[in-house]
Amino acid sequence: MKKITVLGIKFTDEQKKRLSALGTVKHFPSPSTSDEFLKLVKNADIICSDGSFLLENLSKLKNVFVTYPYIELGVFNSEDLKKNGVFVANAQGSNKDAIVEWVMFMVLLLFREFSSMVRVNDSFQIELRESLVGKRVLIVGRGNIGTKIGELCEGFGMNVDFFERRDNLQSKSRNVDLIINALSSNSSSKNLLNEKFFMSLKKGVYFVTFVRHYTFDIDGLIKAIKAGIVKNAAIDCDPEAPGDTTNNFYKKALTNKNILVTPHIAFSTKQANMNGKEFVVQNVEAYV
């Protein structure tokens, strides 16, 4: 029987039953330190982790299957892990719908500026805003989430293009009205959207990102906003702790009034939470 260690994931009774049919299961709260993490997973064949202290300890594991209930954990070398007998499975697509909803909400806020006209007390002169219809959007990354965003943008009448590996980023982004960052975190995407990229864009472009700031340069973005190149931006602060407004990255984004910033909440729906846990159980079932 496989030894399954669950860290910080609250499965349903039905999911617990399915895991118990696959091996001996031990449930623990989220570890509070790296040492505690390593102690709890010692001798485990399978680790189901909520992510606490997982990334920094992957390279220390041996001969174990690891799975977690979301998409991005951070940057790691899967080939090096395989040499140690470590195999990692995420919950690909589990929070897709939640993130896509956040993206489209932010796109509408940027172009239509609805927030300033909600629950107003004083009469005001109407200013005509920009429709999404006919706007050119470049989605940087064409995974599950990027593809779904493209479908919805087309539904709003936008002209959609994608940047994929080996494309010319500067050529693709030169004349667009909106850029949506949907990059995965890997060696080729590190700081891909840098200061040079932002400063080369068409004046008045909008920028939306929900992925880890590993992929883009926040200082370069702010410089482009101050220069009048990027008009407005929307950022969900992944990978900072959900709801945390005290971290330096969130505070830096908050300093610029042209940035709509949220504290890593794009993924946060009940459905995405349930999907992630179900993916973990299915990953274990497939592995065993």
C-alpha atoms as a PDB file:
ATOM      1  CA  MET A   1       0.000   0.000   0.000  1.00  0.00           C
ATOM      2  CA  LYS A   2       1.229   3.483  -0.859  1.00  0.00           C
ATOM      3  CA  LYS A   3       1.930   5.925   1.972  1.00  0.00           C
ATOM      4  CA  ILE A   4       0.003   9.116   1.219  1.00  0.00           C
ATOM      5  CA  THR A   5       0.694  12.315   3.172  1.00  0.00           C
ATOM      6  CA  VAL A   6      -1.819  15.164   2.906  1.00  0.00           C
ATOM      7  CA  LEU A   7      -0.658  18.630   3.975  1.00  0.00           C
ATOM      8  CA  GLY A   8      -3.197  21.396   4.496  1.00  0.00           C
ATOM      9  CA  ILE A   9      -5.794  20.225   1.961  1.00  0.00           C
ATOM     10  CA  LYS A  10      -9.323  19.772   3.292  1.00  0.00           C
ATOM     11  CA  PHE A  11     -10.805  17.037   1.149  1.00  0.00           C
ATOM     12  CA  THR A  12     -14.464  16.054   1.189  1.00  0.00           C
ATOM     13  CA  ASP A  13     -15.430  12.788   2.873  1.00  0.00           C
ATOM     14  CA  GLU A  14     -15.926  11.228  -0.555  1.00  0.00           C
ATOM     15  CA  GLN A  15     -12.455  12.320  -1.684  1.00  0.00           C
ATOM     16  CA  LYS A  16     -10.900  11.031   1.544  1.00  0.00           C
ATOM     17  CA  LYS A  17     -12.555   7.674   0.922  1.00  0.00           C
ATOM     18  CA  ARG A  18     -11.108   7.504  -2.593  1.00  0.00           C
ATOM     19  CA  LEU A  19      -7.616   8.277  -1.316  1.00  0.00           C
ATOM     20  CA  SER A  20      -7.935   5.688   1.450  1.00  0.00           C
ATOM     21  CA  ALA A  21      -8.695   3.075  -1.189  1.00  0.00           C
ATOM     22  CA  LEU A  22      -5.296   3.791  -2.737  1.00  0.00           C
ATOM     23  CA  GLY A  23      -3.088   3.583   0.330  1.00  0.00           C
ATOM     24  CA  THR A  24      -2.453   4.541   3.942  1.00  0.00           C
ATOM     25  CA  VAL A  25      -3.369   8.212   4.312  1.00  0.00           C
ATOM     26  CA  LYS A  26      -2.156  10.665   6.963  1.00  0.00           C
ATOM     27  CA  HIS A  27      -3.694  14.153   7.145  1.00  0.00           C
ATOM     28  CA  PHE A  28      -1.789  17.096   8.639  1.00  0.00           C
ATOM     29  CA  PRO A  29      -2.328  20.881   8.820  1.00  0.00           C
ATOM     30  CA  SER A  30      -0.119  23.092   6.656  1.00  0.00           C
ATOM     31  CA  PRO A  31       3.494  22.986   7.862  1.00  0.00           C
ATOM     32  CA  SER A  32       4.791  26.201   9.383  1.00  0.00           C
ATOM     33  CA  THR A  33       8.472  25.685   8.503  1.00  0.00           C
ATOM     34  CA  SER A  34      10.618  23.876   5.954  1.00  0.00           C
ATOM     35  CA  ASP A  35      11.905  21.551   8.648  1.00  0.00           C
ATOM     36  CA  GLU A  36       8.357  20.626   9.603  1.00  0.00           C
ATOM     37  CA  PHE A  37       7.494  19.989   5.955  1.00  0.00           C
ATOM     38  CA  LEU A  38      10.430  17.608   5.518  1.00  0.00           C
ATOM     39  CA  LYS A  39       9.617  15.831   8.765  1.00  0.00           C
ATOM     40  CA  LEU A  40       5.965  15.284   7.810  1.00  0.00           C
ATOM     41  CA  VAL A  41       6.706  13.923   4.326  1.00  0.00           C
ATOM     42  CA  LYS A  42       9.524  11.599   5.379  1.00  0.00           C
ATOM     43  CA  ASN A  43       8.960   8.092   3.955  1.00  0.00           C
ATOM     44  CA  ALA A  44       5.872   9.201   1.974  1.00  0.00           C
ATOM     45  CA  ASP A  45       5.283   7.697  -1.460  1.00  0.00           C
ATOM     46  CA  ILE A  46       2.756  10.388  -2.383  1.00  0.00           C
ATOM     47  CA  ILE A  47       2.492  13.991  -1.165  1.00  0.00           C
ATOM     48  CA  CYS A  48      -0.719  15.997  -1.550  1.00  0.00           C
ATOM     49  CA  SER A  49       0.347  19.519  -0.593  1.00  0.00           C
ATOM     50  CA  ASP A  50      -1.380  22.885  -0.329  1.00  0.00           C
ATOM     51  CA  GLY A  51       1.956  24.353  -1.423  1.00  0.00           C
ATOM     52  CA  SER A  52       3.289  25.500   1.940  1.00  0.00           C
ATOM     53  CA  PHE A  53       7.098  25.162   1.828  1.00  0.00           C
ATOM     54  CA  LEU A  54       6.799  22.816  -1.144  1.00  0.00           C
ATOM     55  CA  LEU A  55       8.722  24.658  -3.858  1.00  0.00           C
ATOM     56  CA  GLU A  56      11.858  25.298  -1.801  1.00  0.00           C
ATOM     57  CA  ASN A  57      11.992  21.658  -0.728  1.00  0.00           C
ATOM     58  CA  LEU A  58      11.297  19.867  -4.021  1.00  0.00           C
ATOM     59  CA  SER A  59      14.995  19.375  -4.708  1.00  0.00           C
ATOM     60  CA  LYS A  60      15.402  17.673  -1.304  1.00  0.00           C
ATOM     61  CA  LEU A  61      12.802  14.978  -2.024  1.00  0.00           C
ATOM     62  CA  LYS A  62      13.484  11.515  -3.415  1.00  0.00           C
ATOM     63  CA  ASN A  63      11.300   8.805  -4.941  1.00  0.00           C
ATOM     64  CA  VAL A  64       7.953  10.467  -4.386  1.00  0.00           C
ATOM     65  CA  PHE A  65       4.929  11.659  -6.366  1.00  0.00           C
ATOM     66  CA  VAL A  66       3.855  15.230  -5.549  1.00  0.00           C
ATOM     67  CA  THR A  67       0.602  16.956  -6.438  1.00  0.00           C
ATOM     68  CA  TYR A  68      -1.034  20.237  -5.434  1.00  0.00           C
ATOM     69  CA  PRO A  69      -4.465  21.847  -6.050  1.00  0.00           C
ATOM     70  CA  TYR A  70      -3.579  24.730  -8.366  1.00  0.00           C
ATOM     71  CA  ILE A  71      -1.681  25.481 -11.550  1.00  0.00           C
ATOM     72  CA  GLU A  72       1.453  27.506 -10.771  1.00  0.00           C
ATOM     73  CA  LEU A  73       3.861  26.506  -8.012  1.00  0.00           C
ATOM     74  CA  GLY A  74       6.891  28.404  -9.240  1.00  0.00           C
ATOM     75  CA  VAL A  75       9.948  27.640 -11.332  1.00  0.00           C
ATOM     76  CA  PHE A  76      11.580  24.241 -10.941  1.00  0.00           C
ATOM     77  CA  ASN A  77      13.489  21.843 -13.196  1.00  0.00           C
ATOM     78  CA  SER A  78      11.303  18.792 -13.710  1.00  0.00           C
ATOM     79  CA  GLU A  79      14.130  16.877 -15.420  1.00  0.00           C
ATOM     80  CA  ASP A  80      16.402  17.296 -12.408  1.00  0.00           C
ATOM     81  CA  LEU A  81      13.575  16.166 -10.140  1.00  0.00           C
ATOM     82  CA  LYS A  82      13.011  13.041 -12.237  1.00  0.00           C
ATOM     83  CA  LYS A  83      16.641  12.061 -11.659  1.00  0.00           C
ATOM     84  CA  ASN A  84      15.743  11.909  -7.963  1.00  0.00           C
ATOM     85  CA  GLY A  85      12.595   9.931  -8.688  1.00  0.00           C
ATOM     86  CA  VAL A  86      10.354  12.926  -8.011  1.00  0.00           C
ATOM     87  CA  PHE A  87       7.324  13.458 -10.244  1.00  0.00           C
ATOM     88  CA  VAL A  88       5.126  16.547  -9.920  1.00  0.00           C
ATOM     89  CA  ALA A  89       1.531  17.029 -11.103  1.00  0.00           C
ATOM     90  CA  ASN A  90      -0.463  20.245 -10.866  1.00  0.00           C
ATOM     91  CA  ALA A  91      -4.191  20.913 -11.209  1.00  0.00           C
ATOM     92  CA  GLN A  92      -4.041  22.121 -14.802  1.00  0.00           C
ATOM     93  CA  GLY A  93      -7.099  24.210 -15.672  1.00  0.00           C
ATOM     94  CA  SER A  94      -8.713  23.969 -12.231  1.00  0.00           C
ATOM     95  CA  ASN A  95      -8.989  27.734 -11.722  1.00  0.00           C
ATOM     96  CA  LYS A  96      -9.273  28.687 -15.384  1.00  0.00           C
ATOM     97  CA  ASP A  97     -12.832  30.008 -15.211  1.00  0.00           C
ATOM     98  CA  ALA A  98     -12.175  32.072 -12.084  1.00  0.00           C
ATOM     99  CA  ILE A  99      -9.114  33.756 -13.570  1.00  0.00           C
ATOM    100  CA  VAL A 100     -10.783  34.408 -16.912  1.00  0.00           C
ATOM    101  CA  GLU A 101     -13.662  36.128 -15.082  1.00  0.00           C
ATOM    102  CA  TRP A 102     -11.180  38.384 -13.273  1.00  0.00           C
ATOM    103  CA  VAL A 103      -9.429  39.240 -16.533  1.00  0.00           C
ATOM    104  CA  MET A 104     -12.604  40.207 -18.382  1.00  0.00           C
ATOM    105  CA  PHE A 105     -13.839  42.254 -15.415  1.00  0.00           C
ATOM    106  CA  MET A 106     -10.580  44.192 -15.399  1.00  0.00           C
ATOM    107  CA  VAL A 107     -10.612  44.679 -19.169  1.00  0.00           C
ATOM    108  CA  LEU A 108     -14.074  46.211 -18.934  1.00  0.00           C
ATOM    109  CA  LEU A 109     -13.013  48.436 -16.031  1.00  0.00           C
ATOM    110  CA  LEU A 110      -9.987  49.694 -17.956  1.00  0.00           C
ATOM    111  CA  PHE A 111     -11.823  50.538 -21.163  1.00  0.00           C
ATOM    112  CA  ARG A 112     -15.206  51.657 -19.812  1.00  0.00           C
ATOM    113  CA  GLU A 113     -14.079  53.037 -16.402  1.00  0.00           C
ATOM    114  CA  PHE A 114     -17.329  51.951 -14.756  1.00  0.00           C
ATOM    115  CA  SER A 115     -16.003  52.130 -11.196  1.00  0.00           C
ATOM    116  CA  SER A 116     -16.028  55.932 -11.097  1.00  0.00           C
ATOM    117  CA  MET A 117     -19.720  55.980 -12.036  1.00  0.00           C
ATOM    118  CA  VAL A 118     -21.094  53.451  -9.551  1.00  0.00           C
ATOM    119  CA  ARG A 119     -23.121  54.732  -6.548  1.00  0.00           C
ATOM    120  CA  VAL A 120     -22.375  58.379  -7.319  1.00  0.00           C
ATOM    121  CA  ASN A 121     -24.243  61.075  -5.377  1.00  0.00           C
ATOM    122  CA  ASP A 122     -23.609  64.083  -7.577  1.00  0.00           C
ATOM    123  CA  SER A 123     -24.695  64.603 -11.171  1.00  0.00           C
ATOM    124  CA  PHE A 124     -21.849  64.665 -13.670  1.00  0.00           C
ATOM    125  CA  GLN A 125     -21.097  65.314 -17.322  1.00  0.00           C
ATOM    126  CA  ILE A 126     -20.967  62.055 -19.268  1.00  0.00           C
ATOM    127  CA  GLU A 127     -17.657  61.304 -20.962  1.00  0.00           C
ATOM    128  CA  LEU A 128     -17.712  58.824 -23.807  1.00  0.00           C
ATOM    129  CA  ARG A 129     -15.502  55.805 -23.113  1.00  0.00           C
ATOM    130  CA  GLU A 130     -13.948  53.173 -25.361  1.00  0.00           C
ATOM    131  CA  SER A 131     -15.856  50.070 -26.469  1.00  0.00           C
ATOM    132  CA  LEU A 132     -14.079  46.729 -26.716  1.00  0.00           C
ATOM    133  CA  VAL A 133     -15.487  46.179 -30.206  1.00  0.00           C
ATOM    134  CA  GLY A 134     -12.770  46.328 -32.841  1.00  0.00           C
ATOM    135  CA  LYS A 135      -9.919  46.679 -30.368  1.00  0.00           C
ATOM    136  CA  ARG A 136      -6.750  44.679 -31.031  1.00  0.00           C
ATOM    137  CA  VAL A 137      -5.670  42.435 -28.177  1.00  0.00           C
ATOM    138  CA  LEU A 138      -2.462  40.429 -27.911  1.00  0.00           C
ATOM    139  CA  ILE A 139      -2.600  37.524 -25.469  1.00  0.00           C
ATOM    140  CA  VAL A 140       0.935  36.588 -24.446  1.00  0.00           C
ATOM    141  CA  GLY A 141       0.740  32.834 -23.880  1.00  0.00           C
ATOM    142  CA  ARG A 142      -1.689  30.338 -25.394  1.00  0.00           C
ATOM    143  CA  GLY A 143      -2.329  27.793 -22.662  1.00  0.00           C
ATOM    144  CA  ASN A 144      -5.740  26.809 -21.294  1.00  0.00           C
ATOM    145  CA  ILE A 145      -6.368  30.201 -19.717  1.00  0.00           C
ATOM    146  CA  GLY A 146      -5.006  32.307 -22.567  1.00  0.00           C
ATOM    147  CA  THR A 147      -7.090  30.372 -25.083  1.00  0.00           C
ATOM    148  CA  LYS A 148     -10.279  30.864 -23.050  1.00  0.00           C
ATOM    149  CA  ILE A 149      -9.579  34.583 -22.668  1.00  0.00           C
ATOM    150  CA  GLY A 150      -9.197  34.792 -26.441  1.00  0.00           C
ATOM    151  CA  GLU A 151     -12.602  33.178 -26.958  1.00  0.00           C
ATOM    152  CA  LEU A 152     -14.312  35.695 -24.677  1.00  0.00           C
ATOM    153  CA  CYS A 153     -12.473  38.643 -26.220  1.00  0.00           C
ATOM    154  CA  GLU A 154     -13.714  37.511 -29.626  1.00  0.00           C
ATOM    155  CA  GLY A 155     -17.205  37.351 -28.131  1.00  0.00           C
ATOM    156  CA  PHE A 156     -16.868  41.049 -27.299  1.00  0.00           C
ATOM    157  CA  GLY A 157     -15.927  41.779 -30.906  1.00  0.00           C
ATOM    158  CA  MET A 158     -12.206  42.227 -30.323  1.00  0.00           C
ATOM    159  CA  ASN A 159      -9.514  41.262 -32.821  1.00  0.00           C
ATOM    160  CA  VAL A 160      -7.453  38.596 -31.043  1.00  0.00           C
ATOM    161  CA  ASP A 161      -3.864  37.553 -31.636  1.00  0.00           C
ATOM    162  CA  PHE A 162      -1.543  35.343 -29.584  1.00  0.00           C
ATOM    163  CA  PHE A 163       2.157  35.433 -28.839  1.00  0.00           C
ATOM    164  CA  GLU A 164       3.636  31.948 -28.712  1.00  0.00           C
ATOM    165  CA  ARG A 165       7.163  30.645 -28.356  1.00  0.00           C
ATOM    166  CA  ARG A 166       9.407  31.570 -31.299  1.00  0.00           C
ATOM    167  CA  ASP A 167       7.126  34.454 -32.341  1.00  0.00           C
ATOM    168  CA  ASN A 168       8.588  37.964 -32.619  1.00  0.00           C
ATOM    169  CA  LEU A 169       7.220  39.715 -29.531  1.00  0.00           C
ATOM    170  CA  GLN A 170       8.071  43.236 -30.660  1.00  0.00           C
ATOM    171  CA  SER A 171       6.396  42.741 -34.034  1.00  0.00           C
ATOM    172  CA  LYS A 172       3.285  41.160 -32.506  1.00  0.00           C
ATOM    173  CA  SER A 173       2.829  43.855 -29.859  1.00  0.00           C
ATOM    174  CA  ARG A 174       3.641  46.935 -31.911  1.00  0.00           C
ATOM    175  CA  ASN A 175       0.130  48.176 -32.738  1.00  0.00           C
ATOM    176  CA  VAL A 176      -2.204  46.513 -30.243  1.00  0.00           C
ATOM    177  CA  ASP A 177      -4.656  48.249 -27.911  1.00  0.00           C
ATOM    178  CA  LEU A 178      -4.489  45.697 -25.106  1.00  0.00           C
ATOM    179  CA  ILE A 179      -1.911  43.184 -23.896  1.00  0.00           C
ATOM    180  CA  ILE A 180      -2.916  40.334 -21.587  1.00  0.00           C
ATOM    181  CA  ASN A 181      -0.072  38.464 -19.914  1.00  0.00           C
ATOM    182  CA  ALA A 182      -0.916  34.747 -19.673  1.00  0.00           C
ATOM    183  CA  LEU A 183       2.648  33.407 -19.552  1.00  0.00           C
ATOM    184  CA  SER A 184       3.681  30.348 -17.582  1.00  0.00           C
ATOM    185  CA  SER A 185       6.695  30.687 -15.302  1.00  0.00           C
ATOM    186  CA  ASN A 186       9.651  28.938 -16.929  1.00  0.00           C
ATOM    187  CA  SER A 187      13.197  29.675 -18.013  1.00  0.00           C
ATOM    188  CA  SER A 188      12.110  31.246 -21.313  1.00  0.00           C
ATOM    189  CA  SER A 189       9.508  33.569 -19.777  1.00  0.00           C
ATOM    190  CA  LYS A 190      11.642  35.134 -17.039  1.00  0.00           C
ATOM    191  CA  ASN A 191      11.273  38.932 -17.289  1.00  0.00           C
ATOM    192  CA  LEU A 192      10.175  38.534 -20.912  1.00  0.00           C
ATOM    193  CA  LEU A 193       7.999  41.633 -20.604  1.00  0.00           C
ATOM    194  CA  ASN A 194      10.793  43.959 -19.531  1.00  0.00           C
ATOM    195  CA  GLU A 195      11.273  47.724 -19.570  1.00  0.00           C
ATOM    196  CA  LYS A 196      12.350  47.692 -23.219  1.00  0.00           C
ATOM    197  CA  PHE A 197       9.139  45.848 -24.106  1.00  0.00           C
ATOM    198  CA  PHE A 198       6.857  48.283 -22.283  1.00  0.00           C
ATOM    199  CA  MET A 199       8.639  51.358 -23.656  1.00  0.00           C
ATOM    200  CA  SER A 200       8.298  50.035 -27.231  1.00  0.00           C
ATOM    201  CA  LEU A 201       4.499  49.795 -27.145  1.00  0.00           C
ATOM    202  CA  LYS A 202       1.977  52.021 -28.867  1.00  0.00           C
ATOM    203  CA  LYS A 203       0.931  55.052 -26.830  1.00  0.00           C
ATOM    204  CA  GLY A 204      -2.334  54.452 -24.979  1.00  0.00           C
ATOM    205  CA  VAL A 205      -2.087  50.660 -24.701  1.00  0.00           C
ATOM    206  CA  TYR A 206      -3.620  48.801 -21.736  1.00  0.00           C
ATOM    207  CA  PHE A 207      -1.893  45.968 -19.862  1.00  0.00           C
ATOM    208  CA  VAL A 208      -3.490  43.168 -17.818  1.00  0.00           C
ATOM    209  CA  THR A 209      -1.635  40.442 -15.922  1.00  0.00           C
ATOM    210  CA  PHE A 210      -2.676  37.724 -13.499  1.00  0.00           C
ATOM    211  CA  VAL A 211       0.496  35.618 -13.584  1.00  0.00           C
ATOM    212  CA  ARG A 212       3.621  35.689 -11.456  1.00  0.00           C
ATOM    213  CA  HIS A 213       5.677  38.877 -11.630  1.00  0.00           C
ATOM    214  CA  TYR A 214       8.593  36.605 -12.548  1.00  0.00           C
ATOM    215  CA  THR A 215       7.423  37.190 -16.135  1.00  0.00           C
ATOM    216  CA  PHE A 216       7.312  41.002 -16.224  1.00  0.00           C
ATOM    217  CA  ASP A 217       9.146  44.056 -14.929  1.00  0.00           C
ATOM    218  CA  ILE A 218       6.906  46.100 -12.617  1.00  0.00           C
ATOM    219  CA  ASP A 219       9.393  48.985 -12.606  1.00  0.00           C
ATOM    220  CA  GLY A 220       9.464  49.009 -16.404  1.00  0.00           C
ATOM    221  CA  LEU A 221       5.659  48.996 -16.488  1.00  0.00           C
ATOM    222  CA  ILE A 222       5.428  51.941 -14.084  1.00  0.00           C
ATOM    223  CA  LYS A 223       8.031  53.837 -16.125  1.00  0.00           C
ATOM    224  CA  ALA A 224       5.957  53.278 -19.287  1.00  0.00           C
ATOM    225  CA  ILE A 225       2.817  54.490 -17.489  1.00  0.00           C
ATOM    226  CA  LYS A 226       4.572  57.653 -16.308  1.00  0.00           C
ATOM    227  CA  ALA A 227       5.837  58.212 -19.853  1.00  0.00           C
ATOM    228  CA  GLY A 228       2.259  58.075 -21.164  1.00  0.00           C
ATOM    229  CA  ILE A 229       2.855  54.910 -23.183  1.00  0.00           C
ATOM    230  CA  VAL A 230       0.796  52.473 -21.115  1.00  0.00           C
ATOM    231  CA  LYS A 231      -2.470  54.219 -20.249  1.00  0.00           C
ATOM    232  CA  ASN A 232      -3.677  51.924 -17.473  1.00  0.00           C
ATOM    233  CA  ALA A 233      -2.913  48.456 -16.131  1.00  0.00           C
ATOM    234  CA  ALA A 234      -4.496  45.743 -13.996  1.00  0.00           C
ATOM    235  CA  ILE A 235      -2.429  43.376 -11.850  1.00  0.00           C
ATOM    236  CA  ASP A 236      -3.310  40.454  -9.606  1.00  0.00           C
ATOM    237  CA  CYS A 237      -0.325  40.001  -7.315  1.00  0.00           C
ATOM    238  CA  ASP A 238       0.602  36.352  -7.779  1.00  0.00           C
ATOM    239  CA  PRO A 239       2.526  34.693  -6.045  1.00  0.00           C
ATOM    240  CA  GLU A 240       2.101  36.822  -2.926  1.00  0.00           C
ATOM    241  CA  ALA A 241      -0.167  35.386  -0.218  1.00  0.00           C
ATOM    242  CA  PRO A 242      -3.869  35.725  -1.145  1.00  0.00           C
ATOM    243  CA  GLY A 243      -5.350  38.829   0.450  1.00  0.00           C
ATOM    244  CA  ASP A 244      -1.964  40.161   1.608  1.00  0.00           C
ATOM    245  CA  THR A 245      -1.635  43.918   1.111  1.00  0.00           C
ATOM    246  CA  THR A 246       1.585  44.288   3.112  1.00  0.00           C
ATOM    247  CA  ASN A 247       4.087  42.788   0.644  1.00  0.00           C
ATOM    248  CA  ASN A 248       6.438  45.070  -1.274  1.00  0.00           C
ATOM    249  CA  PHE A 249       5.169  44.125  -4.721  1.00  0.00           C
ATOM    250  CA  TYR A 250       1.552  45.007  -3.897  1.00  0.00           C
ATOM    251  CA  LYS A 251       2.622  48.274  -2.281  1.00  0.00           C
ATOM    252  CA  LYS A 252       4.712  49.212  -5.322  1.00  0.00           C
ATOM    253  CA  ALA A 253       1.792  48.590  -7.699  1.00  0.00           C
ATOM    254  CA  LEU A 254      -0.495  50.554  -5.384  1.00  0.00           C
ATOM    255  CA  THR A 255       1.684  53.663  -5.619  1.00  0.00           C
ATOM    256  CA  ASN A 256       0.547  54.290  -9.197  1.00  0.00           C
ATOM    257  CA  LYS A 257      -3.078  55.408  -9.547  1.00  0.00           C
ATOM    258  CA  ASN A 258      -3.213  54.064 -13.095  1.00  0.00           C
ATOM    259  CA  ILE A 259      -2.824  50.481 -11.885  1.00  0.00           C
ATOM    260  CA  LEU A 260      -5.856  48.497 -10.747  1.00  0.00           C
ATOM    261  CA  VAL A 261      -4.278  46.066  -8.300  1.00  0.00           C
ATOM    262  CA  THR A 262      -5.724  43.122  -6.367  1.00  0.00           C
ATOM    263  CA  PRO A 263      -3.912  41.018  -3.726  1.00  0.00           C
ATOM    264  CA  HIS A 264      -3.777  37.612  -5.466  1.00  0.00           C
ATOM    265  CA  ILE A 265      -7.514  36.933  -5.573  1.00  0.00           C
ATOM    266  CA  ALA A 266      -8.151  36.189  -9.266  1.00  0.00           C
ATOM    267  CA  PHE A 267      -8.366  32.440  -8.602  1.00  0.00           C
ATOM    268  CA  SER A 268     -10.577  32.688  -5.524  1.00  0.00           C
ATOM    269  CA  THR A 269     -13.933  31.040  -6.201  1.00  0.00           C
ATOM    270  CA  LYS A 270     -15.579  28.126  -4.428  1.00  0.00           C
ATOM    271  CA  GLN A 271     -15.719  26.252  -7.715  1.00  0.00           C
ATOM    272  CA  ALA A 272     -11.987  26.671  -8.384  1.00  0.00           C
ATOM    273  CA  ASN A 273     -11.209  25.474  -4.868  1.00  0.00           C
ATOM    274  CA  MET A 274     -13.278  22.330  -5.332  1.00  0.00           C
ATOM    275  CA  ASN A 275     -11.851  21.741  -8.808  1.00  0.00           C
ATOM    276  CA  GLY A 276      -8.305  21.909  -7.477  1.00  0.00           C
ATOM    277  CA  LYS A 277      -8.916  19.326  -4.768  1.00  0.00           C
ATOM    278  CA  GLU A 278     -10.635  17.014  -7.241  1.00  0.00           C
ATOM    279  CA  PHE A 279      -7.655  17.298  -9.604  1.00  0.00           C
ATOM    280  CA  VAL A 280      -5.334  16.264  -6.764  1.00  0.00           C
ATOM    281  CA  VAL A 281      -7.354  13.118  -6.069  1.00  0.00           C
ATOM    282  CA  GLN A 282      -7.533  12.287  -9.770  1.00  0.00           C
ATOM    283  CA  ASN A 283      -3.772  12.809 -10.099  1.00  0.00           C
ATOM    284  CA  VAL A 284      -3.148  10.318  -7.299  1.00  0.00           C
ATOM    285  CA  GLU A 285      -5.605   7.843  -8.821  1.00  0.00           C
ATOM    286  CA  ALA A 286      -3.863   8.111 -12.192  1.00  0.00           C
ATOM    287  CA  TYR A 287      -0.427   7.699 -10.621  1.00  0.00           C
ATOM    288  CA  VAL A 288      -1.309   4.651  -8.552  1.00  0.00           C
END
